């Protein structure tokens, strides 16, 4: 990273398939992404939008609006050297507004919240491949599929319930992690990082403070980058605590970004990778 590499934080709000992107204002976002069936969550704060833009967002996301179509929020964060990739996509659940003079919108979102109430019932052939089951689930949720696990046959597969609950059903097939990351349903081998997503992490590559031991592995804080993904790997190198060094898999990924404040980092909770 360059000695001075300005950060970029942008917010996109999609209504009726039209995405409007806002930047240049005071923006902050915090959230958590989970490597299981739990919905990823996010809270965005954006200040001093023009009155017409603010009224548009509040009107379109109001629970009293007759337009019941999905309203999405997209968070972009990065630096000028490599751009601003997407770090979160979710469905807006609530929007609140603060008092003047600095009028601030607080937007809360959950991944695939629009599908939570869609009740489905599925049955497969006596023997069905896990990849075909995952493909069907991704299509139901309107997601792309990243299937990296070893395929296997599942006997007498059946599912009924909320559409998002099928992700947990797939994850229970054994030896796989199943989760939604933004617009992708990810199926990967349990205990292994996503292919091509291993990041070297030490004091020279963005590590903040020292890694902490947890019940399941470690927790690390480091600067936002373009490589980190939920389910990806971290190869940790600590000079102060070398016993913690090694390859880990991210099972929970928090983020905190702001364009006019200090936060601009990932907080990753990880388990030891299978070797």
C-alpha atoms as a PDB file:
ATOM      1  CA  UNK A   1       0.000   0.000   0.000  1.00  0.00           C
ATOM      2  CA  UNK A   2       1.270   3.491  -0.836  1.00  0.00           C
ATOM      3  CA  UNK A   3       2.420   5.737   1.968  1.00  0.00           C
ATOM      4  CA  UNK A   4      -0.682   7.886   1.410  1.00  0.00           C
ATOM      5  CA  UNK A   5      -3.509   5.934  -0.176  1.00  0.00           C
ATOM      6  CA  UNK A   6      -6.859   7.659   0.432  1.00  0.00           C
ATOM      7  CA  UNK A   7      -9.746   5.463   1.532  1.00  0.00           C
ATOM      8  CA  UNK A   8     -13.010   5.169  -0.359  1.00  0.00           C
ATOM      9  CA  UNK A   9     -16.387   4.469   1.278  1.00  0.00           C
ATOM     10  CA  UNK A  10     -19.570   4.510  -0.814  1.00  0.00           C
ATOM     11  CA  UNK A  11     -23.162   3.421  -0.236  1.00  0.00           C
ATOM     12  CA  UNK A  12     -25.509   2.127  -2.914  1.00  0.00           C
ATOM     13  CA  UNK A  13     -29.288   1.888  -2.444  1.00  0.00           C
ATOM     14  CA  UNK A  14     -31.280  -0.152  -4.954  1.00  0.00           C
ATOM     15  CA  UNK A  15     -35.013   0.327  -5.441  1.00  0.00           C
ATOM     16  CA  UNK A  16     -36.929  -1.375  -8.279  1.00  0.00           C
ATOM     17  CA  UNK A  17     -33.644  -2.531  -9.803  1.00  0.00           C
ATOM     18  CA  UNK A  18     -32.190   0.992  -9.973  1.00  0.00           C
ATOM     19  CA  UNK A  19     -28.994   1.470  -7.941  1.00  0.00           C
ATOM     20  CA  UNK A  20     -28.128   4.952  -6.679  1.00  0.00           C
ATOM     21  CA  UNK A  21     -24.628   5.367  -5.246  1.00  0.00           C
ATOM     22  CA  UNK A  22     -23.802   8.030  -2.661  1.00  0.00           C
ATOM     23  CA  UNK A  23     -20.309   9.209  -1.720  1.00  0.00           C
ATOM     24  CA  UNK A  24     -18.516  12.379  -0.705  1.00  0.00           C
ATOM     25  CA  UNK A  25     -20.668  12.686   2.417  1.00  0.00           C
ATOM     26  CA  UNK A  26     -19.923  11.552   5.956  1.00  0.00           C
ATOM     27  CA  UNK A  27     -20.456   7.777   5.845  1.00  0.00           C
ATOM     28  CA  UNK A  28     -19.784   4.976   8.311  1.00  0.00           C
ATOM     29  CA  UNK A  29     -20.787   1.325   8.306  1.00  0.00           C
ATOM     30  CA  UNK A  30     -20.455  -1.569  10.720  1.00  0.00           C
ATOM     31  CA  UNK A  31     -21.529  -5.147  10.255  1.00  0.00           C
ATOM     32  CA  UNK A  32     -20.991  -8.842  10.810  1.00  0.00           C
ATOM     33  CA  UNK A  33     -20.895 -11.734   8.337  1.00  0.00           C
ATOM     34  CA  UNK A  34     -21.342 -15.330   9.488  1.00  0.00           C
ATOM     35  CA  UNK A  35     -20.026 -18.566   8.007  1.00  0.00           C
ATOM     36  CA  UNK A  36     -23.320 -20.377   8.630  1.00  0.00           C
ATOM     37  CA  UNK A  37     -27.043 -19.904   7.975  1.00  0.00           C
ATOM     38  CA  UNK A  38     -27.287 -16.748  10.126  1.00  0.00           C
ATOM     39  CA  UNK A  39     -28.077 -13.636   8.068  1.00  0.00           C
ATOM     40  CA  UNK A  40     -25.258 -11.142   7.681  1.00  0.00           C
ATOM     41  CA  UNK A  41     -26.061  -7.788   9.288  1.00  0.00           C
ATOM     42  CA  UNK A  42     -25.078  -4.187   8.724  1.00  0.00           C
ATOM     43  CA  UNK A  43     -25.764  -0.687  10.021  1.00  0.00           C
ATOM     44  CA  UNK A  44     -24.960   2.316   7.848  1.00  0.00           C
ATOM     45  CA  UNK A  45     -24.931   5.961   8.919  1.00  0.00           C
ATOM     46  CA  UNK A  46     -24.906   8.694   6.279  1.00  0.00           C
ATOM     47  CA  UNK A  47     -25.131  12.419   7.035  1.00  0.00           C
ATOM     48  CA  UNK A  48     -26.268  15.554   5.241  1.00  0.00           C
ATOM     49  CA  UNK A  49     -27.966  14.091   2.211  1.00  0.00           C
ATOM     50  CA  UNK A  50     -30.007  16.603   0.264  1.00  0.00           C
ATOM     51  CA  UNK A  51     -33.627  16.897   1.378  1.00  0.00           C
ATOM     52  CA  UNK A  52     -35.020  15.284  -1.790  1.00  0.00           C
ATOM     53  CA  UNK A  53     -32.632  12.306  -1.592  1.00  0.00           C
ATOM     54  CA  UNK A  54     -33.358  11.838   2.098  1.00  0.00           C
ATOM     55  CA  UNK A  55     -37.099  11.986   1.451  1.00  0.00           C
ATOM     56  CA  UNK A  56     -36.731   9.463  -1.400  1.00  0.00           C
ATOM     57  CA  UNK A  57     -34.915   6.932   0.812  1.00  0.00           C
ATOM     58  CA  UNK A  58     -37.297   7.346   3.741  1.00  0.00           C
ATOM     59  CA  UNK A  59     -40.356   7.068   1.489  1.00  0.00           C
ATOM     60  CA  UNK A  60     -39.183   4.031  -0.454  1.00  0.00           C
ATOM     61  CA  UNK A  61     -38.084   2.095   2.631  1.00  0.00           C
ATOM     62  CA  UNK A  62     -41.076   2.980   4.797  1.00  0.00           C
ATOM     63  CA  UNK A  63     -43.105  -0.016   6.016  1.00  0.00           C
ATOM     64  CA  UNK A  64     -46.194   1.939   4.898  1.00  0.00           C
ATOM     65  CA  UNK A  65     -45.000   2.174   1.291  1.00  0.00           C
ATOM     66  CA  UNK A  66     -47.235   0.199  -1.056  1.00  0.00           C
ATOM     67  CA  UNK A  67     -44.183  -0.695  -3.130  1.00  0.00           C
ATOM     68  CA  UNK A  68     -43.261  -3.957  -1.403  1.00  0.00           C
ATOM     69  CA  UNK A  69     -40.381  -4.805  -3.730  1.00  0.00           C
ATOM     70  CA  UNK A  70     -36.967  -5.575  -2.336  1.00  0.00           C
ATOM     71  CA  UNK A  71     -34.819  -2.603  -1.276  1.00  0.00           C
ATOM     72  CA  UNK A  72     -31.109  -3.389  -1.174  1.00  0.00           C
ATOM     73  CA  UNK A  73     -28.103  -1.643   0.293  1.00  0.00           C
ATOM     74  CA  UNK A  74     -24.556  -2.113  -0.970  1.00  0.00           C
ATOM     75  CA  UNK A  75     -21.457  -1.039   0.958  1.00  0.00           C
ATOM     76  CA  UNK A  76     -18.244  -0.369  -0.962  1.00  0.00           C
ATOM     77  CA  UNK A  77     -14.912   0.187   0.774  1.00  0.00           C
ATOM     78  CA  UNK A  78     -11.319   0.323  -0.400  1.00  0.00           C
ATOM     79  CA  UNK A  79      -8.520   2.641  -1.387  1.00  0.00           C
ATOM     80  CA  UNK A  80      -7.654   4.674  -4.439  1.00  0.00           C
ATOM     81  CA  UNK A  81      -4.855   2.257  -5.389  1.00  0.00           C
ATOM     82  CA  UNK A  82      -7.243  -0.665  -6.017  1.00  0.00           C
ATOM     83  CA  UNK A  83     -10.744   0.809  -5.987  1.00  0.00           C
ATOM     84  CA  UNK A  84     -13.722   0.096  -3.755  1.00  0.00           C
ATOM     85  CA  UNK A  85     -14.942  -3.521  -3.904  1.00  0.00           C
ATOM     86  CA  UNK A  86     -18.247  -4.554  -2.352  1.00  0.00           C
ATOM     87  CA  UNK A  87     -17.942  -5.586   1.298  1.00  0.00           C
ATOM     88  CA  UNK A  88     -21.652  -6.025   2.052  1.00  0.00           C
ATOM     89  CA  UNK A  89     -24.974  -6.543   0.267  1.00  0.00           C
ATOM     90  CA  UNK A  90     -28.234  -6.845   2.184  1.00  0.00           C
ATOM     91  CA  UNK A  91     -31.921  -5.982   2.311  1.00  0.00           C
ATOM     92  CA  UNK A  92     -32.923  -2.806   4.128  1.00  0.00           C
ATOM     93  CA  UNK A  93     -35.033  -3.553   7.201  1.00  0.00           C
ATOM     94  CA  UNK A  94     -35.342  -0.131   8.881  1.00  0.00           C
ATOM     95  CA  UNK A  95     -34.342   3.491   8.268  1.00  0.00           C
ATOM     96  CA  UNK A  96     -34.412   6.183  10.946  1.00  0.00           C
ATOM     97  CA  UNK A  97     -33.480   9.858  10.831  1.00  0.00           C
ATOM     98  CA  UNK A  98     -31.813  12.079  13.440  1.00  0.00           C
ATOM     99  CA  UNK A  99     -32.649  15.651  14.422  1.00  0.00           C
ATOM    100  CA  UNK A 100     -31.029  18.715  12.753  1.00  0.00           C
ATOM    101  CA  UNK A 101     -28.570  20.292  12.268  1.00  0.00           C
ATOM    102  CA  UNK A 102     -26.493  17.318  11.063  1.00  0.00           C
ATOM    103  CA  UNK A 103     -29.315  15.145   9.788  1.00  0.00           C
ATOM    104  CA  UNK A 104     -28.164  11.536   9.770  1.00  0.00           C
ATOM    105  CA  UNK A 105     -29.901   8.500   8.313  1.00  0.00           C
ATOM    106  CA  UNK A 106     -29.331   5.189  10.076  1.00  0.00           C
ATOM    107  CA  UNK A 107     -30.011   2.240   7.788  1.00  0.00           C
ATOM    108  CA  UNK A 108     -30.135  -1.333   9.066  1.00  0.00           C
ATOM    109  CA  UNK A 109     -30.020  -4.374   6.821  1.00  0.00           C
ATOM    110  CA  UNK A 110     -29.953  -8.186   6.795  1.00  0.00           C
ATOM    111  CA  UNK A 111     -28.775 -10.416   3.973  1.00  0.00           C
ATOM    112  CA  UNK A 112     -31.637 -12.030   2.006  1.00  0.00           C
ATOM    113  CA  UNK A 113     -34.221 -10.734   4.450  1.00  0.00           C
ATOM    114  CA  UNK A 114     -36.727 -10.571   1.568  1.00  0.00           C
ATOM    115  CA  UNK A 115     -36.710 -14.384   1.337  1.00  0.00           C
ATOM    116  CA  UNK A 116     -37.099 -15.063   5.056  1.00  0.00           C
ATOM    117  CA  UNK A 117     -40.862 -15.325   4.832  1.00  0.00           C
ATOM    118  CA  UNK A 118     -40.955 -17.313   1.594  1.00  0.00           C
ATOM    119  CA  UNK A 119     -42.068 -20.800   2.599  1.00  0.00           C
ATOM    120  CA  UNK A 120     -40.891 -23.525   0.239  1.00  0.00           C
ATOM    121  CA  UNK A 121     -41.104 -27.319   0.041  1.00  0.00           C
ATOM    122  CA  UNK A 122     -38.603 -29.386  -1.903  1.00  0.00           C
ATOM    123  CA  UNK A 123     -37.932 -33.058  -2.433  1.00  0.00           C
ATOM    124  CA  UNK A 124     -35.196 -34.633  -4.497  1.00  0.00           C
ATOM    125  CA  UNK A 125     -34.659 -38.012  -6.099  1.00  0.00           C
ATOM    126  CA  UNK A 126     -33.702 -40.889  -3.773  1.00  0.00           C
ATOM    127  CA  UNK A 127     -30.095 -39.998  -4.586  1.00  0.00           C
ATOM    128  CA  UNK A 128     -29.222 -36.392  -5.451  1.00  0.00           C
ATOM    129  CA  UNK A 129     -25.859 -34.665  -5.658  1.00  0.00           C
ATOM    130  CA  UNK A 130     -25.076 -32.004  -3.093  1.00  0.00           C
ATOM    131  CA  UNK A 131     -24.082 -29.629  -5.895  1.00  0.00           C
ATOM    132  CA  UNK A 132     -27.497 -29.936  -7.573  1.00  0.00           C
ATOM    133  CA  UNK A 133     -29.247 -29.299  -4.234  1.00  0.00           C
ATOM    134  CA  UNK A 134     -27.042 -26.250  -3.652  1.00  0.00           C
ATOM    135  CA  UNK A 135     -27.719 -24.985  -7.182  1.00  0.00           C
ATOM    136  CA  UNK A 136     -31.462 -25.236  -6.614  1.00  0.00           C
ATOM    137  CA  UNK A 137     -31.167 -23.346  -3.316  1.00  0.00           C
ATOM    138  CA  UNK A 138     -29.075 -20.595  -4.924  1.00  0.00           C
ATOM    139  CA  UNK A 139     -31.662 -20.188  -7.681  1.00  0.00           C
ATOM    140  CA  UNK A 140     -34.472 -19.970  -5.119  1.00  0.00           C
ATOM    141  CA  UNK A 141     -32.632 -17.195  -3.269  1.00  0.00           C
ATOM    142  CA  UNK A 142     -31.555 -15.395  -6.438  1.00  0.00           C
ATOM    143  CA  UNK A 143     -27.860 -15.961  -5.728  1.00  0.00           C
ATOM    144  CA  UNK A 144     -24.865 -17.172  -7.680  1.00  0.00           C
ATOM    145  CA  UNK A 145     -23.224 -20.406  -6.472  1.00  0.00           C
ATOM    146  CA  UNK A 146     -19.603 -20.962  -5.473  1.00  0.00           C
ATOM    147  CA  UNK A 147     -19.362 -24.718  -4.902  1.00  0.00           C
ATOM    148  CA  UNK A 148     -15.868 -25.704  -3.748  1.00  0.00           C
ATOM    149  CA  UNK A 149     -16.670 -28.804  -1.699  1.00  0.00           C
ATOM    150  CA  UNK A 150     -16.198 -32.370  -2.831  1.00  0.00           C
ATOM    151  CA  UNK A 151     -19.495 -33.408  -4.374  1.00  0.00           C
ATOM    152  CA  UNK A 152     -21.378 -36.310  -2.857  1.00  0.00           C
ATOM    153  CA  UNK A 153     -24.726 -38.059  -3.024  1.00  0.00           C
ATOM    154  CA  UNK A 154     -27.464 -37.179  -0.535  1.00  0.00           C
ATOM    155  CA  UNK A 155     -30.194 -39.719   0.109  1.00  0.00           C
ATOM    156  CA  UNK A 156     -33.895 -38.801   0.305  1.00  0.00           C
ATOM    157  CA  UNK A 157     -33.286 -35.068   0.506  1.00  0.00           C
ATOM    158  CA  UNK A 158     -36.306 -33.020   1.538  1.00  0.00           C
ATOM    159  CA  UNK A 159     -36.754 -29.522   2.926  1.00  0.00           C
ATOM    160  CA  UNK A 160     -39.706 -27.381   3.946  1.00  0.00           C
ATOM    161  CA  UNK A 161     -39.681 -24.004   5.642  1.00  0.00           C
ATOM    162  CA  UNK A 162     -38.345 -20.500   5.038  1.00  0.00           C
ATOM    163  CA  UNK A 163     -36.191 -20.267   1.918  1.00  0.00           C
ATOM    164  CA  UNK A 164     -33.172 -18.962   3.828  1.00  0.00           C
ATOM    165  CA  UNK A 165     -33.345 -21.953   6.189  1.00  0.00           C
ATOM    166  CA  UNK A 166     -32.292 -24.305   3.409  1.00  0.00           C
ATOM    167  CA  UNK A 167     -28.749 -22.964   3.719  1.00  0.00           C
ATOM    168  CA  UNK A 168     -28.553 -24.521   7.190  1.00  0.00           C
ATOM    169  CA  UNK A 169     -29.990 -27.778   5.846  1.00  0.00           C
ATOM    170  CA  UNK A 170     -27.239 -27.956   3.218  1.00  0.00           C
ATOM    171  CA  UNK A 171     -24.601 -27.173   5.841  1.00  0.00           C
ATOM    172  CA  UNK A 172     -25.864 -30.132   7.876  1.00  0.00           C
ATOM    173  CA  UNK A 173     -24.992 -32.503   5.025  1.00  0.00           C
ATOM    174  CA  UNK A 174     -21.627 -33.066   6.693  1.00  0.00           C
ATOM    175  CA  UNK A 175     -18.041 -31.904   6.097  1.00  0.00           C
ATOM    176  CA  UNK A 176     -19.119 -28.682   4.427  1.00  0.00           C
ATOM    177  CA  UNK A 177     -19.626 -25.042   5.384  1.00  0.00           C
ATOM    178  CA  UNK A 178     -22.649 -23.411   3.738  1.00  0.00           C
ATOM    179  CA  UNK A 179     -23.305 -19.677   3.962  1.00  0.00           C
ATOM    180  CA  UNK A 180     -24.376 -16.623   2.006  1.00  0.00           C
ATOM    181  CA  UNK A 181     -21.751 -13.959   1.331  1.00  0.00           C
ATOM    182  CA  UNK A 182     -23.348 -10.906  -0.277  1.00  0.00           C
ATOM    183  CA  UNK A 183     -24.765 -12.235  -3.577  1.00  0.00           C
ATOM    184  CA  UNK A 184     -23.218 -15.712  -3.477  1.00  0.00           C
ATOM    185  CA  UNK A 185     -24.147 -19.004  -1.846  1.00  0.00           C
ATOM    186  CA  UNK A 186     -20.828 -20.540  -0.801  1.00  0.00           C
ATOM    187  CA  UNK A 187     -20.330 -24.268  -0.218  1.00  0.00           C
ATOM    188  CA  UNK A 188     -16.791 -25.162   0.823  1.00  0.00           C
ATOM    189  CA  UNK A 189     -14.997 -27.992   2.627  1.00  0.00           C
ATOM    190  CA  UNK A 190     -15.236 -27.594   6.402  1.00  0.00           C
ATOM    191  CA  UNK A 191     -11.943 -26.519   7.928  1.00  0.00           C
ATOM    192  CA  UNK A 192     -10.388 -25.373   4.632  1.00  0.00           C
ATOM    193  CA  UNK A 193     -10.111 -21.814   3.301  1.00  0.00           C
ATOM    194  CA  UNK A 194     -11.652 -20.721   0.022  1.00  0.00           C
ATOM    195  CA  UNK A 195      -9.408 -21.387  -2.948  1.00  0.00           C
ATOM    196  CA  UNK A 196      -7.224 -18.397  -3.819  1.00  0.00           C
ATOM    197  CA  UNK A 197      -8.307 -16.453  -0.732  1.00  0.00           C
ATOM    198  CA  UNK A 198      -5.386 -16.795   1.691  1.00  0.00           C
ATOM    199  CA  UNK A 199      -3.953 -13.543   3.008  1.00  0.00           C
ATOM    200  CA  UNK A 200      -0.614 -13.101   4.752  1.00  0.00           C
ATOM    201  CA  UNK A 201      -1.215 -11.104   7.920  1.00  0.00           C
ATOM    202  CA  UNK A 202       1.527  -9.510   9.982  1.00  0.00           C
ATOM    203  CA  UNK A 203       2.526  -6.083  11.267  1.00  0.00           C
ATOM    204  CA  UNK A 204       3.759  -5.069   7.796  1.00  0.00           C
ATOM    205  CA  UNK A 205       0.560  -6.074   5.983  1.00  0.00           C
ATOM    206  CA  UNK A 206      -2.061  -4.353   8.105  1.00  0.00           C
ATOM    207  CA  UNK A 207      -2.290  -6.219  11.437  1.00  0.00           C
ATOM    208  CA  UNK A 208      -3.570  -3.946  14.225  1.00  0.00           C
ATOM    209  CA  UNK A 209      -2.492  -4.899  17.727  1.00  0.00           C
ATOM    210  CA  UNK A 210      -1.925  -8.564  18.505  1.00  0.00           C
ATOM    211  CA  UNK A 211      -4.043 -11.651  17.719  1.00  0.00           C
ATOM    212  CA  UNK A 212      -6.171 -12.879  20.620  1.00  0.00           C
ATOM    213  CA  UNK A 213      -6.879 -16.491  21.535  1.00  0.00           C
ATOM    214  CA  UNK A 214     -10.564 -17.473  21.627  1.00  0.00           C
ATOM    215  CA  UNK A 215     -12.472 -20.668  22.393  1.00  0.00           C
ATOM    216  CA  UNK A 216     -12.491 -21.611  18.711  1.00  0.00           C
ATOM    217  CA  UNK A 217      -9.168 -20.163  17.565  1.00  0.00           C
ATOM    218  CA  UNK A 218      -8.132 -16.523  17.271  1.00  0.00           C
ATOM    219  CA  UNK A 219      -9.538 -13.048  16.754  1.00  0.00           C
ATOM    220  CA  UNK A 220      -7.564 -10.508  14.727  1.00  0.00           C
ATOM    221  CA  UNK A 221      -8.066  -6.886  13.693  1.00  0.00           C
ATOM    222  CA  UNK A 222      -6.481  -5.538  10.532  1.00  0.00           C
ATOM    223  CA  UNK A 223      -6.885  -2.898   7.860  1.00  0.00           C
ATOM    224  CA  UNK A 224      -9.529  -3.279   5.155  1.00  0.00           C
ATOM    225  CA  UNK A 225      -8.118  -4.888   2.018  1.00  0.00           C
ATOM    226  CA  UNK A 226      -9.383  -6.293  -1.286  1.00  0.00           C
ATOM    227  CA  UNK A 227      -8.435  -9.935  -0.611  1.00  0.00           C
ATOM    228  CA  UNK A 228     -10.275 -10.870   2.587  1.00  0.00           C
ATOM    229  CA  UNK A 229     -13.449 -12.940   2.220  1.00  0.00           C
ATOM    230  CA  UNK A 230     -15.690 -14.756   4.663  1.00  0.00           C
ATOM    231  CA  UNK A 231     -14.467 -18.355   4.563  1.00  0.00           C
ATOM    232  CA  UNK A 232     -11.077 -17.271   3.285  1.00  0.00           C
ATOM    233  CA  UNK A 233      -7.749 -17.933   4.969  1.00  0.00           C
ATOM    234  CA  UNK A 234      -5.340 -15.894   7.070  1.00  0.00           C
ATOM    235  CA  UNK A 235      -1.726 -16.934   7.423  1.00  0.00           C
ATOM    236  CA  UNK A 236      -0.874 -15.166  10.674  1.00  0.00           C
ATOM    237  CA  UNK A 237       2.657 -14.156  11.633  1.00  0.00           C
ATOM    238  CA  UNK A 238       3.064 -12.630  15.093  1.00  0.00           C
ATOM    239  CA  UNK A 239       6.481 -11.628  16.419  1.00  0.00           C
ATOM    240  CA  UNK A 240       5.220 -11.107  19.968  1.00  0.00           C
ATOM    241  CA  UNK A 241       3.317 -14.391  20.191  1.00  0.00           C
ATOM    242  CA  UNK A 242       4.720 -16.924  17.702  1.00  0.00           C
ATOM    243  CA  UNK A 243       2.689 -19.779  19.212  1.00  0.00           C
ATOM    244  CA  UNK A 244      -0.341 -18.287  17.499  1.00  0.00           C
ATOM    245  CA  UNK A 245       1.235 -18.380  14.040  1.00  0.00           C
ATOM    246  CA  UNK A 246      -0.257 -20.544  11.302  1.00  0.00           C
ATOM    247  CA  UNK A 247      -3.070 -20.846   8.772  1.00  0.00           C
ATOM    248  CA  UNK A 248      -6.625 -20.033   9.869  1.00  0.00           C
ATOM    249  CA  UNK A 249     -10.084 -19.988   8.282  1.00  0.00           C
ATOM    250  CA  UNK A 250     -12.412 -17.012   8.830  1.00  0.00           C
ATOM    251  CA  UNK A 251     -15.797 -18.129  10.196  1.00  0.00           C
ATOM    252  CA  UNK A 252     -17.025 -14.686  11.282  1.00  0.00           C
ATOM    253  CA  UNK A 253     -16.046 -11.400   9.679  1.00  0.00           C
ATOM    254  CA  UNK A 254     -16.923  -8.063  11.245  1.00  0.00           C
ATOM    255  CA  UNK A 255     -16.171  -4.777   9.551  1.00  0.00           C
ATOM    256  CA  UNK A 256     -16.065  -1.126  10.596  1.00  0.00           C
ATOM    257  CA  UNK A 257     -15.438   1.530   7.949  1.00  0.00           C
ATOM    258  CA  UNK A 258     -15.729   5.306   7.835  1.00  0.00           C
ATOM    259  CA  UNK A 259     -14.530   7.962   5.437  1.00  0.00           C
ATOM    260  CA  UNK A 260     -14.152  10.745   8.023  1.00  0.00           C
ATOM    261  CA  UNK A 261     -13.328   8.822  11.167  1.00  0.00           C
ATOM    262  CA  UNK A 262     -10.759   6.323  12.436  1.00  0.00           C
ATOM    263  CA  UNK A 263     -12.386   2.907  11.803  1.00  0.00           C
ATOM    264  CA  UNK A 264     -11.308   1.168   8.618  1.00  0.00           C
ATOM    265  CA  UNK A 265     -10.723  -2.442   9.529  1.00  0.00           C
ATOM    266  CA  UNK A 266     -11.804  -6.061   9.522  1.00  0.00           C
ATOM    267  CA  UNK A 267     -12.267  -7.997  12.750  1.00  0.00           C
ATOM    268  CA  UNK A 268     -11.952 -11.673  11.859  1.00  0.00           C
ATOM    269  CA  UNK A 269     -12.708 -14.643  14.069  1.00  0.00           C
ATOM    270  CA  UNK A 270     -10.947 -17.743  12.827  1.00  0.00           C
ATOM    271  CA  UNK A 271     -10.362 -21.432  13.442  1.00  0.00           C
ATOM    272  CA  UNK A 272      -7.216 -23.397  12.677  1.00  0.00           C
ATOM    273  CA  UNK A 273      -7.217 -24.675   9.122  1.00  0.00           C
ATOM    274  CA  UNK A 274      -7.035 -28.398   8.461  1.00  0.00           C
ATOM    275  CA  UNK A 275      -3.520 -29.336   7.364  1.00  0.00           C
END
